[in-house]
Amino acid sequence: MLLGSHSINMDSKGRIAIPTRVREQLNEMCGGRIVVTAHPREFCVIIYPQPYWDEILPKII
């Protein structure tokens, strides 16, 4: 699991860039397969490795 906070900007097309170090770690953990979702109470996004998301999804629906 990765924990951290990064301030990043959205480009004119609404895209964000995942920081290189985080992207490399996600590639090692899950082959880059991720789920991006909005935080339910904060103005931010949360990035989950796909295998972790598959485990928690049944608990939150």
PDB file of N, CA and C in Angstrom:
ATOM      1  N   MET A   1       0.843  -1.170   0.000  1.00  0.00           N
ATOM      2  CA  MET A   1       0.000   0.000   0.000  1.00  0.00           C
ATOM      3  C   MET A   1       0.889   1.235   0.000  1.00  0.00           C
ATOM      4  N   LEU A   2       0.462   2.222  -0.740  1.00  0.00           N
ATOM      5  CA  LEU A   2       1.169   3.497  -0.788  1.00  0.00           C
ATOM      6  C   LEU A   2       0.320   4.545  -0.092  1.00  0.00           C
ATOM      7  N   LEU A   3       0.936   5.345   0.726  1.00  0.00           N
ATOM      8  CA  LEU A   3       0.242   6.459   1.350  1.00  0.00           C
ATOM      9  C   LEU A   3       1.025   7.716   1.065  1.00  0.00           C
ATOM     10  N   GLY A   4       0.334   8.785   0.770  1.00  0.00           N
ATOM     11  CA  GLY A   4       1.024  10.038   0.523  1.00  0.00           C
ATOM     12  C   GLY A   4       0.082  11.055  -0.068  1.00  0.00           C
ATOM     13  N   SER A   5       0.586  12.238  -0.175  1.00  0.00           N
ATOM     14  CA  SER A   5      -0.190  13.337  -0.720  1.00  0.00           C
ATOM     15  C   SER A   5       0.686  14.091  -1.700  1.00  0.00           C
ATOM     16  N   HIS A   6       0.132  14.404  -2.849  1.00  0.00           N
ATOM     17  CA  HIS A   6       0.881  15.131  -3.872  1.00  0.00           C
ATOM     18  C   HIS A   6      -0.013  16.226  -4.432  1.00  0.00           C
ATOM     19  N   SER A   7       0.510  17.417  -4.525  1.00  0.00           N
ATOM     20  CA  SER A   7      -0.225  18.506  -5.173  1.00  0.00           C
ATOM     21  C   SER A   7       0.128  18.484  -6.649  1.00  0.00           C
ATOM     22  N   ILE A   8      -0.881  18.292  -7.476  1.00  0.00           N
ATOM     23  CA  ILE A   8      -0.661  18.261  -8.922  1.00  0.00           C
ATOM     24  C   ILE A   8      -1.736  19.105  -9.588  1.00  0.00           C
ATOM     25  N   ASN A   9      -1.495  19.476 -10.806  1.00  0.00           N
ATOM     26  CA  ASN A   9      -2.435  20.303 -11.552  1.00  0.00           C
ATOM     27  C   ASN A   9      -3.094  19.496 -12.658  1.00  0.00           C
ATOM     28  N   MET A  10      -4.267  19.946 -13.030  1.00  0.00           N
ATOM     29  CA  MET A  10      -4.986  19.357 -14.143  1.00  0.00           C
ATOM     30  C   MET A  10      -4.665  20.184 -15.387  1.00  0.00           C
ATOM     31  N   ASP A  11      -4.444  19.513 -16.508  1.00  0.00           N
ATOM     32  CA  ASP A  11      -4.149  20.263 -17.731  1.00  0.00           C
ATOM     33  C   ASP A  11      -5.445  20.747 -18.383  1.00  0.00           C
ATOM     34  N   SER A  12      -5.326  21.439 -19.490  1.00  0.00           N
ATOM     35  CA  SER A  12      -6.491  22.038 -20.151  1.00  0.00           C
ATOM     36  C   SER A  12      -7.488  21.004 -20.665  1.00  0.00           C
ATOM     37  N   LYS A  13      -7.052  19.750 -20.782  1.00  0.00           N
ATOM     38  CA  LYS A  13      -7.946  18.675 -21.226  1.00  0.00           C
ATOM     39  C   LYS A  13      -8.516  17.883 -20.050  1.00  0.00           C
ATOM     40  N   GLY A  14      -8.259  18.338 -18.815  1.00  0.00           N
ATOM     41  CA  GLY A  14      -8.794  17.671 -17.636  1.00  0.00           C
ATOM     42  C   GLY A  14      -8.002  16.464 -17.183  1.00  0.00           C
ATOM     43  N   ARG A  15      -6.754  16.365 -17.609  1.00  0.00           N
ATOM     44  CA  ARG A  15      -5.911  15.218 -17.249  1.00  0.00           C
ATOM     45  C   ARG A  15      -4.973  15.588 -16.105  1.00  0.00           C
ATOM     46  N   ILE A  16      -4.622  14.572 -15.323  1.00  0.00           N
ATOM     47  CA  ILE A  16      -3.607  14.751 -14.282  1.00  0.00           C
ATOM     48  C   ILE A  16      -2.464  13.785 -14.561  1.00  0.00           C
ATOM     49  N   ALA A  17      -1.277  14.159 -14.125  1.00  0.00           N
ATOM     50  CA  ALA A  17      -0.110  13.290 -14.280  1.00  0.00           C
ATOM     51  C   ALA A  17       0.227  12.683 -12.923  1.00  0.00           C
ATOM     52  N   ILE A  18       0.335  11.371 -12.885  1.00  0.00           N
ATOM     53  CA  ILE A  18       0.747  10.693 -11.658  1.00  0.00           C
ATOM     54  C   ILE A  18       2.250  10.874 -11.528  1.00  0.00           C
ATOM     55  N   PRO A  19       2.730  11.331 -10.355  1.00  0.00           N
ATOM     56  CA  PRO A  19       4.173  11.525 -10.182  1.00  0.00           C
ATOM     57  C   PRO A  19       4.964  10.260 -10.534  1.00  0.00           C
ATOM     58  N   THR A  20       6.128  10.453 -11.121  1.00  0.00           N
ATOM     59  CA  THR A  20       6.945   9.349 -11.627  1.00  0.00           C
ATOM     60  C   THR A  20       7.192   8.276 -10.580  1.00  0.00           C
ATOM     61  N   ARG A  21       7.599   8.664  -9.381  1.00  0.00           N
ATOM     62  CA  ARG A  21       7.912   7.679  -8.344  1.00  0.00           C
ATOM     63  C   ARG A  21       6.678   6.837  -7.999  1.00  0.00           C
ATOM     64  N   VAL A  22       5.534   7.484  -7.892  1.00  0.00           N
ATOM     65  CA  VAL A  22       4.291   6.768  -7.590  1.00  0.00           C
ATOM     66  C   VAL A  22       3.927   5.846  -8.752  1.00  0.00           C
ATOM     67  N   ARG A  23       4.043   6.331  -9.969  1.00  0.00           N
ATOM     68  CA  ARG A  23       3.742   5.525 -11.159  1.00  0.00           C
ATOM     69  C   ARG A  23       4.630   4.281 -11.209  1.00  0.00           C
ATOM     70  N   GLU A  24       5.919   4.439 -10.904  1.00  0.00           N
ATOM     71  CA  GLU A  24       6.835   3.293 -10.898  1.00  0.00           C
ATOM     72  C   GLU A  24       6.438   2.282  -9.835  1.00  0.00           C
ATOM     73  N   GLN A  25       6.065   2.766  -8.647  1.00  0.00           N
ATOM     74  CA  GLN A  25       5.650   1.855  -7.580  1.00  0.00           C
ATOM     75  C   GLN A  25       4.360   1.125  -7.952  1.00  0.00           C
ATOM     76  N   LEU A  26       3.431   1.828  -8.577  1.00  0.00           N
ATOM     77  CA  LEU A  26       2.191   1.182  -9.011  1.00  0.00           C
ATOM     78  C   LEU A  26       2.458   0.137 -10.084  1.00  0.00           C
ATOM     79  N   ASN A  27       3.396   0.409 -10.971  1.00  0.00           N
ATOM     80  CA  ASN A  27       3.761  -0.582 -11.986  1.00  0.00           C
ATOM     81  C   ASN A  27       4.314  -1.840 -11.346  1.00  0.00           C
ATOM     82  N   GLU A  28       5.138  -1.680 -10.311  1.00  0.00           N
ATOM     83  CA  GLU A  28       5.696  -2.842  -9.610  1.00  0.00           C
ATOM     84  C   GLU A  28       4.611  -3.612  -8.870  1.00  0.00           C
ATOM     85  N   MET A  29       3.682  -2.896  -8.238  1.00  0.00           N
ATOM     86  CA  MET A  29       2.655  -3.524  -7.407  1.00  0.00           C
ATOM     87  C   MET A  29       1.581  -4.246  -8.215  1.00  0.00           C
ATOM     88  N   CYS A  30       1.158  -3.632  -9.315  1.00  0.00           N
ATOM     89  CA  CYS A  30      -0.032  -4.161  -9.988  1.00  0.00           C
ATOM     90  C   CYS A  30       0.019  -4.001 -11.498  1.00  0.00           C
ATOM     91  N   GLY A  31       1.199  -3.855 -12.041  1.00  0.00           N
ATOM     92  CA  GLY A  31       1.323  -3.709 -13.485  1.00  0.00           C
ATOM     93  C   GLY A  31       0.675  -2.445 -14.021  1.00  0.00           C
ATOM     94  N   GLY A  32       0.510  -1.439 -13.148  1.00  0.00           N
ATOM     95  CA  GLY A  32      -0.086  -0.178 -13.568  1.00  0.00           C
ATOM     96  C   GLY A  32      -1.603  -0.189 -13.630  1.00  0.00           C
ATOM     97  N   ARG A  33      -2.220  -1.299 -13.248  1.00  0.00           N
ATOM     98  CA  ARG A  33      -3.691  -1.377 -13.250  1.00  0.00           C
ATOM     99  C   ARG A  33      -4.208  -0.668 -12.000  1.00  0.00           C
ATOM    100  N   ILE A  34      -4.914   0.432 -12.198  1.00  0.00           N
ATOM    101  CA  ILE A  34      -5.368   1.247 -11.074  1.00  0.00           C
ATOM    102  C   ILE A  34      -6.842   1.623 -11.222  1.00  0.00           C
ATOM    103  N   VAL A  35      -7.416   2.053 -10.111  1.00  0.00           N
ATOM    104  CA  VAL A  35      -8.756   2.636 -10.083  1.00  0.00           C
ATOM    105  C   VAL A  35      -8.606   4.011  -9.453  1.00  0.00           C
ATOM    106  N   VAL A  36      -9.145   5.026 -10.119  1.00  0.00           N
ATOM    107  CA  VAL A  36      -9.100   6.390  -9.595  1.00  0.00           C
ATOM    108  C   VAL A  36     -10.521   6.779  -9.230  1.00  0.00           C
ATOM    109  N   THR A  37     -10.705   7.237  -7.997  1.00  0.00           N
ATOM    110  CA  THR A  37     -12.034   7.611  -7.527  1.00  0.00           C
ATOM    111  C   THR A  37     -11.958   8.905  -6.724  1.00  0.00           C
ATOM    112  N   ALA A  38     -13.060   9.591  -6.620  1.00  0.00           N
ATOM    113  CA  ALA A  38     -13.115  10.821  -5.825  1.00  0.00           C
ATOM    114  C   ALA A  38     -13.260  10.469  -4.349  1.00  0.00           C
ATOM    115  N   HIS A  39     -12.582  11.211  -3.502  1.00  0.00           N
ATOM    116  CA  HIS A  39     -12.737  11.049  -2.056  1.00  0.00           C
ATOM    117  C   HIS A  39     -14.148  11.493  -1.690  1.00  0.00           C
ATOM    118  N   PRO A  40     -14.834  10.759  -0.813  1.00  0.00           N
ATOM    119  CA  PRO A  40     -16.229  11.100  -0.515  1.00  0.00           C
ATOM    120  C   PRO A  40     -16.429  12.417   0.240  1.00  0.00           C
ATOM    121  N   ARG A  41     -15.410  12.900   0.953  1.00  0.00           N
ATOM    122  CA  ARG A  41     -15.582  14.119   1.745  1.00  0.00           C
ATOM    123  C   ARG A  41     -14.565  15.211   1.446  1.00  0.00           C
ATOM    124  N   GLU A  42     -13.500  14.894   0.796  1.00  0.00           N
ATOM    125  CA  GLU A  42     -12.451  15.869   0.502  1.00  0.00           C
ATOM    126  C   GLU A  42     -12.430  16.164  -0.993  1.00  0.00           C
ATOM    127  N   PHE A  43     -11.829  17.271  -1.353  1.00  0.00           N
ATOM    128  CA  PHE A  43     -11.715  17.647  -2.763  1.00  0.00           C
ATOM    129  C   PHE A  43     -10.414  17.074  -3.315  1.00  0.00           C
ATOM    130  N   CYS A  44     -10.416  15.749  -3.526  1.00  0.00           N
ATOM    131  CA  CYS A  44      -9.212  15.082  -4.024  1.00  0.00           C
ATOM    132  C   CYS A  44      -9.603  13.754  -4.663  1.00  0.00           C
ATOM    133  N   VAL A  45      -8.644  13.127  -5.305  1.00  0.00           N
ATOM    134  CA  VAL A  45      -8.859  11.792  -5.851  1.00  0.00           C
ATOM    135  C   VAL A  45      -8.031  10.796  -5.054  1.00  0.00           C
ATOM    136  N   ILE A  46      -8.459   9.560  -5.106  1.00  0.00           N
ATOM    137  CA  ILE A  46      -7.739   8.464  -4.461  1.00  0.00           C
ATOM    138  C   ILE A  46      -7.407   7.459  -5.555  1.00  0.00           C
ATOM    139  N   ILE A  47      -6.170   6.984  -5.554  1.00  0.00           N
ATOM    140  CA  ILE A  47      -5.732   5.993  -6.536  1.00  0.00           C
ATOM    141  C   ILE A  47      -5.532   4.665  -5.814  1.00  0.00           C
ATOM    142  N   TYR A  48      -6.240   3.647  -6.286  1.00  0.00           N
ATOM    143  CA  TYR A  48      -6.128   2.312  -5.711  1.00  0.00           C
ATOM    144  C   TYR A  48      -5.491   1.371  -6.720  1.00  0.00           C
ATOM    145  N   PRO A  49      -4.550   0.521  -6.292  1.00  0.00           N
ATOM    146  CA  PRO A  49      -4.117  -0.572  -7.164  1.00  0.00           C
ATOM    147  C   PRO A  49      -5.334  -1.485  -7.403  1.00  0.00           C
ATOM    148  N   GLN A  50      -5.523  -1.947  -8.623  1.00  0.00           N
ATOM    149  CA  GLN A  50      -6.701  -2.750  -8.966  1.00  0.00           C
ATOM    150  C   GLN A  50      -6.918  -3.938  -8.020  1.00  0.00           C
ATOM    151  N   PRO A  51      -5.871  -4.718  -7.670  1.00  0.00           N
ATOM    152  CA  PRO A  51      -6.111  -5.854  -6.766  1.00  0.00           C
ATOM    153  C   PRO A  51      -6.663  -5.420  -5.402  1.00  0.00           C
ATOM    154  N   TYR A  52      -6.197  -4.301  -4.875  1.00  0.00           N
ATOM    155  CA  TYR A  52      -6.699  -3.799  -3.591  1.00  0.00           C
ATOM    156  C   TYR A  52      -8.144  -3.341  -3.742  1.00  0.00           C
ATOM    157  N   TRP A  53      -8.447  -2.633  -4.824  1.00  0.00           N
ATOM    158  CA  TRP A  53      -9.815  -2.186  -5.086  1.00  0.00           C
ATOM    159  C   TRP A  53     -10.763  -3.380  -5.159  1.00  0.00           C
ATOM    160  N   ASP A  54     -10.333  -4.451  -5.818  1.00  0.00           N
ATOM    161  CA  ASP A  54     -11.171  -5.645  -5.932  1.00  0.00           C
ATOM    162  C   ASP A  54     -11.515  -6.218  -4.562  1.00  0.00           C
ATOM    163  N   GLU A  55     -10.608  -6.071  -3.588  1.00  0.00           N
ATOM    164  CA  GLU A  55     -10.857  -6.560  -2.231  1.00  0.00           C
ATOM    165  C   GLU A  55     -11.815  -5.661  -1.465  1.00  0.00           C
ATOM    166  N   ILE A  56     -11.674  -4.346  -1.607  1.00  0.00           N
ATOM    167  CA  ILE A  56     -12.495  -3.447  -0.789  1.00  0.00           C
ATOM    168  C   ILE A  56     -13.852  -3.121  -1.407  1.00  0.00           C
ATOM    169  N   LEU A  57     -14.000  -3.273  -2.701  1.00  0.00           N
ATOM    170  CA  LEU A  57     -15.258  -2.914  -3.353  1.00  0.00           C
ATOM    171  C   LEU A  57     -16.474  -3.602  -2.729  1.00  0.00           C
ATOM    172  N   PRO A  58     -16.438  -4.912  -2.489  1.00  0.00           N
ATOM    173  CA  PRO A  58     -17.620  -5.545  -1.877  1.00  0.00           C
ATOM    174  C   PRO A  58     -17.952  -4.982  -0.492  1.00  0.00           C
ATOM    175  N   LYS A  59     -16.963  -4.453   0.209  1.00  0.00           N
ATOM    176  CA  LYS A  59     -17.195  -3.915   1.551  1.00  0.00           C
ATOM    177  C   LYS A  59     -17.846  -2.536   1.525  1.00  0.00           C
ATOM    178  N   ILE A  60     -17.699  -1.810   0.418  1.00  0.00           N
ATOM    179  CA  ILE A  60     -18.228  -0.450   0.387  1.00  0.00           C
ATOM    180  C   ILE A  60     -19.523  -0.311  -0.414  1.00  0.00           C
ATOM    181  N   ILE A  61     -19.933  -1.365  -1.085  1.00  0.00           N
ATOM    182  CA  ILE A  61     -21.211  -1.265  -1.808  1.00  0.00           C
ATOM    183  C   ILE A  61     -22.352  -1.777  -0.964  1.00  0.00           C
TER     184      ILE A  61
END
